[in-house]
Amino acid sequence: MNMHALGIVAVAALVTAALRFLPFAVFRGDRETPPYIAYLGKVLPFAIMGMLVVFCLKGVSLTAAPYGLPELIACVFTAGLHVWKRNTLLSIAGGTAVYMVLVQMVF
């Protein structure tokens, strides 16, 4: 392995480790968490999921076959599975599997 590539990997590892440890250094257990950080902790997961849904559906064409049917079926399946089981990873994996089966074998 050449030194340039080794240096890039080392810098990436150091930056990643620093970003992981920084919140623990800034917000120690003996201090109160600022209200805006607590607020962000409540709203950001929903905002990120919303952005992921928009990103995944931005290229769907409603005017050409299959008219967004695989995406609609997979979204409804994912939402239904999540309401039923309340497990995010199961919902995402199940919805992805249903979408892939629909795209590869049905539509």
Protein backbone atom coordinates (compact mmCIF):
# COMPACT_ATOMS: atom_id res chain seq x y z
CA MET A 1 0.00 0.00 0.00
CA ASN A 2 1.49 3.37 -0.91
CA MET A 3 1.96 6.11 1.67
CA HIS A 4 -0.55 8.46 0.08
CA ALA A 5 -3.40 5.96 0.39
CA LEU A 6 -2.30 5.06 3.92
CA GLY A 7 -2.35 8.75 4.87
CA ILE A 8 -5.85 9.21 3.46
CA VAL A 9 -7.14 6.20 5.41
CA ALA A 10 -5.45 7.44 8.61
CA VAL A 11 -6.91 10.94 8.30
CA ALA A 12 -10.38 9.54 7.57
CA ALA A 13 -10.15 7.25 10.60
CA LEU A 14 -9.03 10.10 12.88
CA VAL A 15 -11.78 12.44 11.71
CA THR A 16 -14.41 9.72 12.09
CA ALA A 17 -13.22 8.88 15.61
CA ALA A 18 -13.11 12.57 16.57
CA LEU A 19 -16.67 13.10 15.33
CA ARG A 20 -17.85 10.08 17.33
CA PHE A 21 -16.16 11.18 20.57
CA LEU A 22 -16.83 14.94 20.31
CA PRO A 23 -20.44 14.88 21.64
CA PHE A 24 -19.30 12.97 24.73
CA ALA A 25 -16.58 15.55 25.38
CA VAL A 26 -18.87 18.55 24.82
CA PHE A 27 -21.95 17.24 26.66
CA ARG A 28 -20.56 15.50 29.71
CA GLY A 29 -22.84 13.75 32.17
CA ASP A 30 -22.44 16.43 34.84
CA ARG A 31 -23.98 19.21 32.73
CA GLU A 32 -27.55 19.75 31.57
CA THR A 33 -28.12 19.14 27.85
CA PRO A 34 -29.07 22.45 26.17
CA PRO A 35 -32.74 22.66 25.17
CA TYR A 36 -31.98 23.13 21.47
CA ILE A 37 -29.95 19.90 21.40
CA ALA A 38 -32.82 18.03 23.08
CA TYR A 39 -35.22 19.57 20.52
CA LEU A 40 -33.00 18.48 17.62
CA GLY A 41 -32.85 14.98 19.08
CA LYS A 42 -36.64 14.83 18.93
CA VAL A 43 -37.28 16.28 15.47
CA LEU A 44 -34.29 15.24 13.35
CA PRO A 45 -35.14 11.52 13.05
CA PHE A 46 -38.54 12.40 11.54
CA ALA A 47 -37.01 15.03 9.25
CA ILE A 48 -34.38 12.59 8.01
CA MET A 49 -36.98 9.90 7.32
CA GLY A 50 -39.09 12.45 5.43
CA MET A 51 -36.10 13.48 3.32
CA LEU A 52 -35.34 9.81 2.56
CA VAL A 53 -38.91 9.23 1.38
CA VAL A 54 -38.76 12.29 -0.88
CA PHE A 55 -35.34 11.23 -2.21
CA CYS A 56 -36.56 7.70 -2.96
CA LEU A 57 -39.73 8.85 -4.73
CA LYS A 58 -38.37 11.86 -6.65
CA GLY A 59 -37.80 9.92 -9.87
CA VAL A 60 -41.17 8.15 -10.02
CA SER A 61 -43.06 8.79 -13.24
CA LEU A 62 -46.82 8.87 -12.86
CA THR A 63 -47.40 9.33 -16.60
CA ALA A 64 -45.60 6.24 -17.90
CA ALA A 65 -46.09 2.55 -17.17
CA PRO A 66 -46.12 1.19 -14.46
CA TYR A 67 -47.40 4.59 -13.22
CA GLY A 68 -45.66 4.41 -9.84
CA LEU A 69 -47.53 1.28 -8.78
CA PRO A 70 -44.48 -0.62 -7.43
CA GLU A 71 -43.51 2.39 -5.34
CA LEU A 72 -47.06 2.92 -4.07
CA ILE A 73 -47.50 -0.76 -3.15
CA ALA A 74 -44.10 -0.85 -1.41
CA CYS A 75 -44.84 2.37 0.54
CA VAL A 76 -48.23 1.09 1.68
CA PHE A 77 -46.68 -2.26 2.64
CA THR A 78 -43.89 -0.51 4.56
CA ALA A 79 -46.33 1.74 6.43
CA GLY A 80 -48.64 -1.16 7.22
CA LEU A 81 -45.78 -3.34 8.44
CA HIS A 82 -44.52 -0.54 10.63
CA VAL A 83 -47.96 0.11 12.14
CA TRP A 84 -48.31 -3.62 12.80
CA LYS A 85 -44.86 -4.47 14.19
CA ARG A 86 -43.43 -1.06 15.25
CA ASN A 87 -39.96 -2.12 14.09
CA THR A 88 -38.16 0.36 11.84
CA LEU A 89 -35.54 -2.05 10.49
CA LEU A 90 -38.15 -4.71 9.75
CA SER A 91 -40.31 -2.14 7.98
CA ILE A 92 -37.45 -0.86 5.83
CA ALA A 93 -36.19 -4.35 4.96
CA GLY A 94 -39.71 -5.63 4.23
CA GLY A 95 -40.60 -2.64 2.07
CA THR A 96 -37.34 -2.92 0.15
CA ALA A 97 -37.89 -6.65 -0.43
CA VAL A 98 -41.46 -6.09 -1.65
CA TYR A 99 -40.32 -3.30 -3.98
CA MET A 100 -37.50 -5.41 -5.44
CA VAL A 101 -39.82 -8.38 -6.02
CA LEU A 102 -42.37 -6.12 -7.71
CA VAL A 103 -39.80 -4.44 -9.95
CA GLN A 104 -37.93 -7.63 -10.87
CA MET A 105 -40.80 -10.10 -11.24
CA VAL A 106 -44.14 -8.32 -11.58
CA PHE A 107 -43.74 -5.00 -13.41
